[in-house]
C-alpha atoms as a PDB file:
ATOM      1  CA  UNK A   1       8.102  -7.226  26.529  1.00  0.00           C
ATOM      2  CA  UNK A   2       4.440  -6.811  24.795  1.00  0.00           C
ATOM      3  CA  UNK A   3       1.925  -4.047  25.888  1.00  0.00           C
ATOM      4  CA  UNK A   4      -1.581  -4.522  26.538  1.00  0.00           C
ATOM      5  CA  UNK A   5      -3.897  -1.331  25.542  1.00  0.00           C
ATOM      6  CA  UNK A   6      -5.495   0.272  27.686  1.00  0.00           C
ATOM      7  CA  UNK A   7      -9.525   0.959  27.938  1.00  0.00           C
ATOM      8  CA  UNK A   8      -8.695   4.366  26.134  1.00  0.00           C
ATOM      9  CA  UNK A   9      -6.493   2.530  23.263  1.00  0.00           C
ATOM     10  CA  UNK A  10      -9.244  -0.196  22.814  1.00  0.00           C
ATOM     11  CA  UNK A  11     -11.992   2.087  22.728  1.00  0.00           C
ATOM     12  CA  UNK A  12      -9.961   4.328  19.849  1.00  0.00           C
ATOM     13  CA  UNK A  13      -9.457   1.142  17.934  1.00  0.00           C
ATOM     14  CA  UNK A  14     -13.071  -0.011  17.898  1.00  0.00           C
ATOM     15  CA  UNK A  15     -14.516   3.249  17.026  1.00  0.00           C
ATOM     16  CA  UNK A  16     -11.550   3.197  14.264  1.00  0.00           C
ATOM     17  CA  UNK A  17     -12.647  -0.255  13.004  1.00  0.00           C
ATOM     18  CA  UNK A  18     -16.173   0.630  13.256  1.00  0.00           C
ATOM     19  CA  UNK A  19     -15.404   3.498  10.962  1.00  0.00           C
ATOM     20  CA  UNK A  20     -13.427   1.297   8.460  1.00  0.00           C
ATOM     21  CA  UNK A  21     -16.167  -1.252   8.490  1.00  0.00           C
ATOM     22  CA  UNK A  22     -19.047   1.286   8.038  1.00  0.00           C
ATOM     23  CA  UNK A  23     -17.227   3.003   4.890  1.00  0.00           C
ATOM     24  CA  UNK A  24     -16.336  -0.424   3.366  1.00  0.00           C
ATOM     25  CA  UNK A  25     -19.658  -1.905   3.458  1.00  0.00           C
ATOM     26  CA  UNK A  26     -21.385   1.648   1.750  1.00  0.00           C
ATOM     27  CA  UNK A  27     -18.645   1.945  -0.756  1.00  0.00           C
ATOM     28  CA  UNK A  28     -19.490  -1.638  -1.595  1.00  0.00           C
ATOM     29  CA  UNK A  29     -23.100  -0.868  -1.544  1.00  0.00           C
ATOM     30  CA  UNK A  30     -23.436   2.708  -3.109  1.00  0.00           C
ATOM     31  CA  UNK A  31     -20.041   3.048  -4.539  1.00  0.00           C
ATOM     32  CA  UNK A  32     -17.595   5.766  -3.161  1.00  0.00           C
ATOM     33  CA  UNK A  33     -18.742   8.757  -4.626  1.00  0.00           C
ATOM     34  CA  UNK A  34     -22.398   7.447  -3.502  1.00  0.00           C
ATOM     35  CA  UNK A  35     -21.429   7.799  -0.046  1.00  0.00           C
ATOM     36  CA  UNK A  36     -20.940  10.926   2.167  1.00  0.00           C
ATOM     37  CA  UNK A  37     -18.588  11.284   5.521  1.00  0.00           C
ATOM     38  CA  UNK A  38     -21.946  11.858   7.535  1.00  0.00           C
ATOM     39  CA  UNK A  39     -23.523   8.416   6.249  1.00  0.00           C
ATOM     40  CA  UNK A  40     -20.341   6.672   7.209  1.00  0.00           C
ATOM     41  CA  UNK A  41     -20.533   8.660  10.488  1.00  0.00           C
ATOM     42  CA  UNK A  42     -23.945   7.537  11.250  1.00  0.00           C
ATOM     43  CA  UNK A  43     -23.402   4.004   9.786  1.00  0.00           C
ATOM     44  CA  UNK A  44     -20.721   3.685  12.675  1.00  0.00           C
ATOM     45  CA  UNK A  45     -22.826   5.335  15.328  1.00  0.00           C
ATOM     46  CA  UNK A  46     -20.298   8.352  15.803  1.00  0.00           C
ATOM     47  CA  UNK A  47     -20.407  11.817  15.354  1.00  0.00           C
ATOM     48  CA  UNK A  48     -18.555  13.688  12.325  1.00  0.00           C
ATOM     49  CA  UNK A  49     -16.233  15.370  14.692  1.00  0.00           C
ATOM     50  CA  UNK A  50     -15.483  11.960  16.237  1.00  0.00           C
ATOM     51  CA  UNK A  51     -14.841  10.496  12.583  1.00  0.00           C
ATOM     52  CA  UNK A  52     -11.985  13.514  11.777  1.00  0.00           C
ATOM     53  CA  UNK A  53     -10.514  12.967  14.875  1.00  0.00           C
ATOM     54  CA  UNK A  54      -9.772   9.725  13.884  1.00  0.00           C
ATOM     55  CA  UNK A  55      -9.259   9.987  10.875  1.00  0.00           C
ATOM     56  CA  UNK A  56      -7.992  13.619   9.560  1.00  0.00           C
ATOM     57  CA  UNK A  57      -8.078  12.806   6.105  1.00  0.00           C
ATOM     58  CA  UNK A  58     -11.528  12.263   5.431  1.00  0.00           C
ATOM     59  CA  UNK A  59     -13.370   9.394   3.753  1.00  0.00           C
ATOM     60  CA  UNK A  60     -10.582   8.439   1.344  1.00  0.00           C
ATOM     61  CA  UNK A  61      -8.302   7.147   4.594  1.00  0.00           C
ATOM     62  CA  UNK A  62     -11.138   5.190   6.195  1.00  0.00           C
ATOM     63  CA  UNK A  63     -10.418   2.234   4.629  1.00  0.00           C
ATOM     64  CA  UNK A  64      -6.510   1.977   5.020  1.00  0.00           C
ATOM     65  CA  UNK A  65      -4.043   1.752   8.201  1.00  0.00           C
ATOM     66  CA  UNK A  66      -1.360   4.813   8.335  1.00  0.00           C
ATOM     67  CA  UNK A  67       0.506   3.115   5.745  1.00  0.00           C
ATOM     68  CA  UNK A  68       3.554   2.495   8.515  1.00  0.00           C
ATOM     69  CA  UNK A  69       3.429  -1.446   7.672  1.00  0.00           C
ATOM     70  CA  UNK A  70       4.264  -1.211   3.865  1.00  0.00           C
ATOM     71  CA  UNK A  71       7.892   0.454   5.000  1.00  0.00           C
ATOM     72  CA  UNK A  72       8.054  -2.345   7.448  1.00  0.00           C
ATOM     73  CA  UNK A  73       7.834  -5.196   4.974  1.00  0.00           C
ATOM     74  CA  UNK A  74       9.678  -3.922   2.098  1.00  0.00           C
ATOM     75  CA  UNK A  75      12.516  -3.215   4.837  1.00  0.00           C
ATOM     76  CA  UNK A  76      12.453  -6.294   6.298  1.00  0.00           C
ATOM     77  CA  UNK A  77      12.546  -7.934   2.649  1.00  0.00           C
ATOM     78  CA  UNK A  78      15.789  -6.313   2.296  1.00  0.00           C
ATOM     79  CA  UNK A  79      17.266  -6.873   5.256  1.00  0.00           C
ATOM     80  CA  UNK A  80      16.166 -10.166   5.956  1.00  0.00           C
ATOM     81  CA  UNK A  81      16.887 -11.726   2.567  1.00  0.00           C
ATOM     82  CA  UNK A  82      18.607 -15.093   1.904  1.00  0.00           C
ATOM     83  CA  UNK A  83      22.485 -14.817   1.197  1.00  0.00           C
ATOM     84  CA  UNK A  84      23.102 -14.390  -2.591  1.00  0.00           C
ATOM     85  CA  UNK A  85      19.484 -12.757  -3.491  1.00  0.00           C
ATOM     86  CA  UNK A  86      19.219  -9.483  -5.156  1.00  0.00           C
ATOM     87  CA  UNK A  87      17.601  -6.603  -3.410  1.00  0.00           C
ATOM     88  CA  UNK A  88      15.191  -6.440  -6.350  1.00  0.00           C
ATOM     89  CA  UNK A  89      14.621  -9.903  -6.088  1.00  0.00           C
ATOM     90  CA  UNK A  90      13.841  -9.389  -2.452  1.00  0.00           C
ATOM     91  CA  UNK A  91      11.082  -6.433  -3.120  1.00  0.00           C
ATOM     92  CA  UNK A  92       9.581  -8.535  -5.578  1.00  0.00           C
ATOM     93  CA  UNK A  93       9.086 -11.431  -3.981  1.00  0.00           C
ATOM     94  CA  UNK A  94       7.244  -9.311  -1.092  1.00  0.00           C
ATOM     95  CA  UNK A  95       5.089  -7.373  -3.371  1.00  0.00           C
ATOM     96  CA  UNK A  96       4.202 -10.294  -4.996  1.00  0.00           C
ATOM     97  CA  UNK A  97       2.247 -11.228  -1.929  1.00  0.00           C
ATOM     98  CA  UNK A  98       0.634  -8.464  -1.329  1.00  0.00           C
ATOM     99  CA  UNK A  99      -2.243  -6.356  -2.323  1.00  0.00           C
ATOM    100  CA  UNK A 100      -3.116  -6.479  -5.883  1.00  0.00           C
ATOM    101  CA  UNK A 101      -0.914  -8.980  -6.275  1.00  0.00           C
ATOM    102  CA  UNK A 102      -2.135 -11.817  -3.721  1.00  0.00           C
ATOM    103  CA  UNK A 103      -4.197 -14.655  -5.204  1.00  0.00           C
ATOM    104  CA  UNK A 104      -5.068 -16.057  -2.073  1.00  0.00           C
ATOM    105  CA  UNK A 105      -6.874 -13.143  -0.219  1.00  0.00           C
ATOM    106  CA  UNK A 106      -9.757 -13.664   2.054  1.00  0.00           C
ATOM    107  CA  UNK A 107     -13.054 -12.760   0.640  1.00  0.00           C
ATOM    108  CA  UNK A 108     -13.109  -9.059   2.831  1.00  0.00           C
ATOM    109  CA  UNK A 109      -9.636  -8.337   1.876  1.00  0.00           C
ATOM    110  CA  UNK A 110     -10.355  -9.127  -1.765  1.00  0.00           C
ATOM    111  CA  UNK A 111     -13.383  -7.111  -1.531  1.00  0.00           C
ATOM    112  CA  UNK A 112     -11.573  -4.021  -0.273  1.00  0.00           C
ATOM    113  CA  UNK A 113      -8.833  -4.634  -2.787  1.00  0.00           C
ATOM    114  CA  UNK A 114     -11.038  -4.729  -5.553  1.00  0.00           C
ATOM    115  CA  UNK A 115     -12.576  -1.648  -4.207  1.00  0.00           C
ATOM    116  CA  UNK A 116      -9.547   0.352  -3.998  1.00  0.00           C
ATOM    117  CA  UNK A 117      -8.146  -0.664  -7.197  1.00  0.00           C
ATOM    118  CA  UNK A 118     -11.486   0.166  -9.116  1.00  0.00           C
ATOM    119  CA  UNK A 119     -11.961   3.678  -7.265  1.00  0.00           C
ATOM    120  CA  UNK A 120      -9.815   6.523  -8.719  1.00  0.00           C
ATOM    121  CA  UNK A 121      -9.918   8.460  -4.987  1.00  0.00           C
ATOM    122  CA  UNK A 122      -8.582   5.517  -3.014  1.00  0.00           C
ATOM    123  CA  UNK A 123      -5.914   4.506  -5.609  1.00  0.00           C
ATOM    124  CA  UNK A 124      -4.538   7.831  -5.270  1.00  0.00           C
ATOM    125  CA  UNK A 125      -4.747   7.296  -1.300  1.00  0.00           C
ATOM    126  CA  UNK A 126      -3.251   4.457  -1.605  1.00  0.00           C
ATOM    127  CA  UNK A 127      -0.420   5.676  -3.597  1.00  0.00           C
ATOM    128  CA  UNK A 128      -0.005   8.494  -1.297  1.00  0.00           C
ATOM    129  CA  UNK A 129       0.695   5.869   1.640  1.00  0.00           C
ATOM    130  CA  UNK A 130       3.305   4.097  -0.444  1.00  0.00           C
ATOM    131  CA  UNK A 131       5.426   6.649  -1.476  1.00  0.00           C
ATOM    132  CA  UNK A 132       5.138   7.790   2.121  1.00  0.00           C
ATOM    133  CA  UNK A 133       7.531   5.212   2.867  1.00  0.00           C
ATOM    134  CA  UNK A 134      10.541   6.555   0.180  1.00  0.00           C
ATOM    135  CA  UNK A 135      12.935   7.513   2.642  1.00  0.00           C
ATOM    136  CA  UNK A 136      12.638   3.952   4.548  1.00  0.00           C
ATOM    137  CA  UNK A 137      12.844   2.087   1.501  1.00  0.00           C
ATOM    138  CA  UNK A 138      15.674   3.791   0.038  1.00  0.00           C
ATOM    139  CA  UNK A 139      17.893   3.501   3.697  1.00  0.00           C
ATOM    140  CA  UNK A 140      17.314   0.089   3.300  1.00  0.00           C
ATOM    141  CA  UNK A 141      18.531  -0.052  -0.355  1.00  0.00           C
ATOM    142  CA  UNK A 142      21.314   2.055   0.738  1.00  0.00           C
ATOM    143  CA  UNK A 143      22.621  -0.157   3.592  1.00  0.00           C
ATOM    144  CA  UNK A 144      21.855  -3.364   1.241  1.00  0.00           C
ATOM    145  CA  UNK A 145      23.659  -2.390  -1.333  1.00  0.00           C
ATOM    146  CA  UNK A 146      26.696  -0.641   0.634  1.00  0.00           C
ATOM    147  CA  UNK A 147      25.809   2.504  -1.393  1.00  0.00           C
ATOM    148  CA  UNK A 148      25.609   5.915  -0.183  1.00  0.00           C
ATOM    149  CA  UNK A 149      21.691   6.653   0.973  1.00  0.00           C
ATOM    150  CA  UNK A 150      21.880  10.479  -0.635  1.00  0.00           C
ATOM    151  CA  UNK A 151      22.831   8.764  -4.240  1.00  0.00           C
ATOM    152  CA  UNK A 152      20.001   9.936  -6.459  1.00  0.00           C
ATOM    153  CA  UNK A 153      19.802   6.447  -8.018  1.00  0.00           C
ATOM    154  CA  UNK A 154      18.721   4.746  -4.826  1.00  0.00           C
ATOM    155  CA  UNK A 155      16.168   7.188  -3.766  1.00  0.00           C
ATOM    156  CA  UNK A 156      14.819   6.602  -7.577  1.00  0.00           C
ATOM    157  CA  UNK A 157      15.039   2.854  -7.428  1.00  0.00           C
ATOM    158  CA  UNK A 158      12.831   3.326  -3.960  1.00  0.00           C
ATOM    159  CA  UNK A 159      10.315   5.815  -5.851  1.00  0.00           C
ATOM    160  CA  UNK A 160      10.445   3.562  -8.751  1.00  0.00           C
ATOM    161  CA  UNK A 161       9.527   0.406  -6.418  1.00  0.00           C
ATOM    162  CA  UNK A 162       6.860   2.218  -4.500  1.00  0.00           C
ATOM    163  CA  UNK A 163       5.071   3.233  -7.428  1.00  0.00           C
ATOM    164  CA  UNK A 164       4.590  -0.396  -8.847  1.00  0.00           C
ATOM    165  CA  UNK A 165       1.293  -1.263  -6.827  1.00  0.00           C
ATOM    166  CA  UNK A 166      -0.351   1.734  -8.344  1.00  0.00           C
ATOM    167  CA  UNK A 167       1.136   1.059 -11.987  1.00  0.00           C
ATOM    168  CA  UNK A 168       0.077  -2.642 -11.917  1.00  0.00           C
ATOM    169  CA  UNK A 169      -2.679  -2.669  -9.703  1.00  0.00           C
ATOM    170  CA  UNK A 170      -5.222  -2.028 -11.988  1.00  0.00           C
ATOM    171  CA  UNK A 171      -3.695  -3.910 -15.093  1.00  0.00           C
ATOM    172  CA  UNK A 172      -6.140  -7.154 -15.971  1.00  0.00           C
ATOM    173  CA  UNK A 173      -2.993  -9.458 -14.646  1.00  0.00           C
ATOM    174  CA  UNK A 174      -1.579  -7.516 -11.537  1.00  0.00           C
ATOM    175  CA  UNK A 175       0.866  -9.964 -10.942  1.00  0.00           C
ATOM    176  CA  UNK A 176       2.001 -10.045 -14.578  1.00  0.00           C
ATOM    177  CA  UNK A 177       2.328  -6.578 -14.814  1.00  0.00           C
ATOM    178  CA  UNK A 178       4.500  -6.521 -11.508  1.00  0.00           C
ATOM    179  CA  UNK A 179       6.678  -8.880 -12.953  1.00  0.00           C
ATOM    180  CA  UNK A 180       7.501  -7.157 -16.147  1.00  0.00           C
ATOM    181  CA  UNK A 181       8.199  -4.053 -14.386  1.00  0.00           C
ATOM    182  CA  UNK A 182      10.590  -5.753 -12.192  1.00  0.00           C
ATOM    183  CA  UNK A 183      11.915  -7.232 -15.002  1.00  0.00           C
ATOM    184  CA  UNK A 184      12.525  -3.918 -16.735  1.00  0.00           C
ATOM    185  CA  UNK A 185      14.106  -2.567 -13.278  1.00  0.00           C
ATOM    186  CA  UNK A 186      16.684  -5.879 -13.097  1.00  0.00           C
ATOM    187  CA  UNK A 187      17.460  -6.036 -16.682  1.00  0.00           C
ATOM    188  CA  UNK A 188      17.031  -2.427 -18.038  1.00  0.00           C
ATOM    189  CA  UNK A 189      15.259  -1.407 -21.064  1.00  0.00           C
ATOM    190  CA  UNK A 190      15.337  -3.686 -24.023  1.00  0.00           C
ATOM    191  CA  UNK A 191      16.203  -1.114 -27.097  1.00  0.00           C
ATOM    192  CA  UNK A 192      14.352  -2.285 -30.140  1.00  0.00           C
ATOM    193  CA  UNK A 193      16.266  -3.717 -33.303  1.00  0.00           C
ATOM    194  CA  UNK A 194      16.053  -0.865 -35.941  1.00  0.00           C
ATOM    195  CA  UNK A 195      14.550  -1.812 -39.063  1.00  0.00           C
ATOM    196  CA  UNK A 196      15.974  -0.623 -42.185  1.00  0.00           C
END
């Protein structure tokens, strides 16, 4: 049964949203490095202490959610994949419609994506959010493949998948780069023929 947010939770969500909107607007206008935390707090009409109470990680985190939903979609992609579909195919399909790989993002999300991809500090923060889901993804891969979750190859595969948004996201054609990485994961490294 859905729960409704109380007044305090609504106020927190409104403040968080105001901070995120202010940060995105200022970063877009002045560049990430041209904006201070104080300017963002002022733009959102909150104190610096309030900003840090809502976003302890500082300005890197202002335009992101907490990262938990990334794990939710990836785990669901494995758990809910059609019969006969491989885990890697399910993960490829899941990522293809998100973030830097999506073609049909609304203008506001496209602007946010482009800002993240073009700003090294934001890309690194995004990467940390993805990597935070490693344990959950490894468990889902293990469950979906019938393997032991402590198997190093399961953890390695989870990490590789979670690195894809960072590796492919800044490429000229992110979707093609993502597909090339999944092809490598699914089919292995093709050895070049030796020339004599």
